[in-house]
C-alpha atoms as a PDB file:
ATOM      1  CA  MET A   1     -38.390  12.839  97.956  1.00  0.00           C
ATOM      2  CA  TRP A   2     -41.608  14.722  98.534  1.00  0.00           C
ATOM      3  CA  ASP A   3     -43.817  17.451  97.197  1.00  0.00           C
ATOM      4  CA  LYS A   4     -46.965  19.338  98.053  1.00  0.00           C
ATOM      5  CA  GLY A   5     -49.735  19.115  95.507  1.00  0.00           C
ATOM      6  CA  LYS A   6     -52.924  17.321  94.639  1.00  0.00           C
ATOM      7  CA  GLY A   7     -51.479  13.997  95.762  1.00  0.00           C
ATOM      8  CA  ILE A   8     -52.140  10.482  94.550  1.00  0.00           C
ATOM      9  CA  PRO A   9     -55.379   8.754  95.571  1.00  0.00           C
ATOM     10  CA  GLU A  10     -54.842   5.562  97.587  1.00  0.00           C
ATOM     11  CA  THR A  11     -56.699   3.586  94.917  1.00  0.00           C
ATOM     12  CA  GLU A  12     -53.897   4.487  92.468  1.00  0.00           C
ATOM     13  CA  HIS A  13     -50.886   3.714  94.687  1.00  0.00           C
ATOM     14  CA  GLN A  14     -50.052   0.350  93.110  1.00  0.00           C
ATOM     15  CA  ARG A  15     -51.047   1.311  89.575  1.00  0.00           C
ATOM     16  CA  ILE A  16     -48.691   4.290  89.296  1.00  0.00           C
ATOM     17  CA  PHE A  17     -45.768   1.867  89.076  1.00  0.00           C
ATOM     18  CA  GLU A  18     -47.311   0.089  86.072  1.00  0.00           C
ATOM     19  CA  ARG A  19     -45.744   0.683  82.670  1.00  0.00           C
ATOM     20  CA  MET A  20     -47.454   3.427  80.618  1.00  0.00           C
ATOM     21  CA  TYR A  21     -49.878   4.319  83.437  1.00  0.00           C
ATOM     22  CA  THR A  22     -50.671   7.982  84.074  1.00  0.00           C
ATOM     23  CA  LEU A  23     -53.295   9.573  86.278  1.00  0.00           C
ATOM     24  CA  GLU A  24     -56.258  10.543  84.118  1.00  0.00           C
ATOM     25  CA  ASP A  25     -56.890  13.820  85.885  1.00  0.00           C
ATOM     26  CA  SER A  26     -53.468  15.264  85.141  1.00  0.00           C
ATOM     27  CA  ARG A  27     -53.808  18.996  85.602  1.00  0.00           C
ATOM     28  CA  ASN A  28     -51.535  19.860  82.699  1.00  0.00           C
ATOM     29  CA  ARG A  29     -51.779  17.652  79.612  1.00  0.00           C
ATOM     30  CA  LEU A  30     -48.985  19.613  77.904  1.00  0.00           C
ATOM     31  CA  TYR A  31     -46.450  18.340  80.447  1.00  0.00           C
ATOM     32  CA  GLN A  32     -48.066  15.002  81.248  1.00  0.00           C
ATOM     33  CA  GLY A  33     -45.568  12.179  81.584  1.00  0.00           C
ATOM     34  CA  SER A  34     -45.190   9.063  79.485  1.00  0.00           C
ATOM     35  CA  GLY A  35     -45.946   6.640  82.294  1.00  0.00           C
ATOM     36  CA  LEU A  36     -42.426   5.198  82.296  1.00  0.00           C
ATOM     37  CA  GLY A  37     -40.522   7.143  84.957  1.00  0.00           C
ATOM     38  CA  LEU A  38     -41.831   5.431  88.076  1.00  0.00           C
ATOM     39  CA  THR A  39     -41.773   2.022  86.385  1.00  0.00           C
ATOM     40  CA  ILE A  40     -38.101   2.421  85.464  1.00  0.00           C
ATOM     41  CA  THR A  41     -37.250   3.858  88.878  1.00  0.00           C
ATOM     42  CA  LYS A  42     -38.928   0.975  90.727  1.00  0.00           C
ATOM     43  CA  ARG A  43     -37.226  -1.667  88.566  1.00  0.00           C
ATOM     44  CA  LEU A  44     -33.774  -0.104  89.050  1.00  0.00           C
ATOM     45  CA  ILE A  45     -34.270   0.150  92.810  1.00  0.00           C
ATOM     46  CA  GLU A  46     -35.454  -3.469  93.011  1.00  0.00           C
ATOM     47  CA  ARG A  47     -32.451  -4.667  90.946  1.00  0.00           C
ATOM     48  CA  MET A  48     -30.231  -3.019  93.552  1.00  0.00           C
ATOM     49  CA  GLY A  49     -32.076  -4.941  96.273  1.00  0.00           C
ATOM     50  CA  GLY A  50     -34.074  -1.962  97.455  1.00  0.00           C
ATOM     51  CA  THR A  51     -37.658  -0.840  97.772  1.00  0.00           C
ATOM     52  CA  ILE A  52     -39.683   2.257  96.967  1.00  0.00           C
ATOM     53  CA  VAL A  53     -42.671   3.185  99.110  1.00  0.00           C
ATOM     54  CA  LEU A  54     -45.344   5.797  98.460  1.00  0.00           C
ATOM     55  CA  HIS A  55     -47.259   7.737 101.102  1.00  0.00           C
ATOM     56  CA  SER A  56     -49.674  10.404  99.896  1.00  0.00           C
ATOM     57  CA  VAL A  57     -52.145  12.639 101.697  1.00  0.00           C
ATOM     58  CA  PRO A  58     -54.060  14.574  99.024  1.00  0.00           C
ATOM     59  CA  TRP A  59     -53.394  18.320  99.076  1.00  0.00           C
ATOM     60  CA  GLU A  60     -50.873  17.943 101.907  1.00  0.00           C
ATOM     61  CA  ARG A  61     -47.826  15.926 100.909  1.00  0.00           C
ATOM     62  CA  THR A  62     -46.721  13.042  98.714  1.00  0.00           C
ATOM     63  CA  VAL A  63     -43.585  11.173  99.766  1.00  0.00           C
ATOM     64  CA  PHE A  64     -41.607   8.538  97.879  1.00  0.00           C
ATOM     65  CA  THR A  65     -39.149   6.750 100.162  1.00  0.00           C
ATOM     66  CA  VAL A  66     -36.308   4.730  98.633  1.00  0.00           C
ATOM     67  CA  VAL A  67     -34.502   2.201 100.821  1.00  0.00           C
ATOM     68  CA  LEU A  68     -31.290   0.600  99.521  1.00  0.00           C
ATOM     69  CA  LYS A  69     -29.120  -2.039 101.163  1.00  0.00           C
ATOM     70  CA  SER A  70     -25.720  -0.800 102.264  1.00  0.00           C
ATOM     71  CA  GLY A  71     -22.524  -2.463 101.183  1.00  0.00           C
END
């Protein structure tokens, strides 16, 4: 999945999967997340034997790639 937006700085790539972690410069505090979504997603993917990879170029594109084993 991907989107175009402000992106995620490379220094934050590992931290965004930590429980309760949110980017401090969230542009909209009203709709800011709880910091659980990516943590839960990563754990579920890993339990299924898969991986999730992040690639982000600020202000161009952010891509999350999920790879699951077949069978």
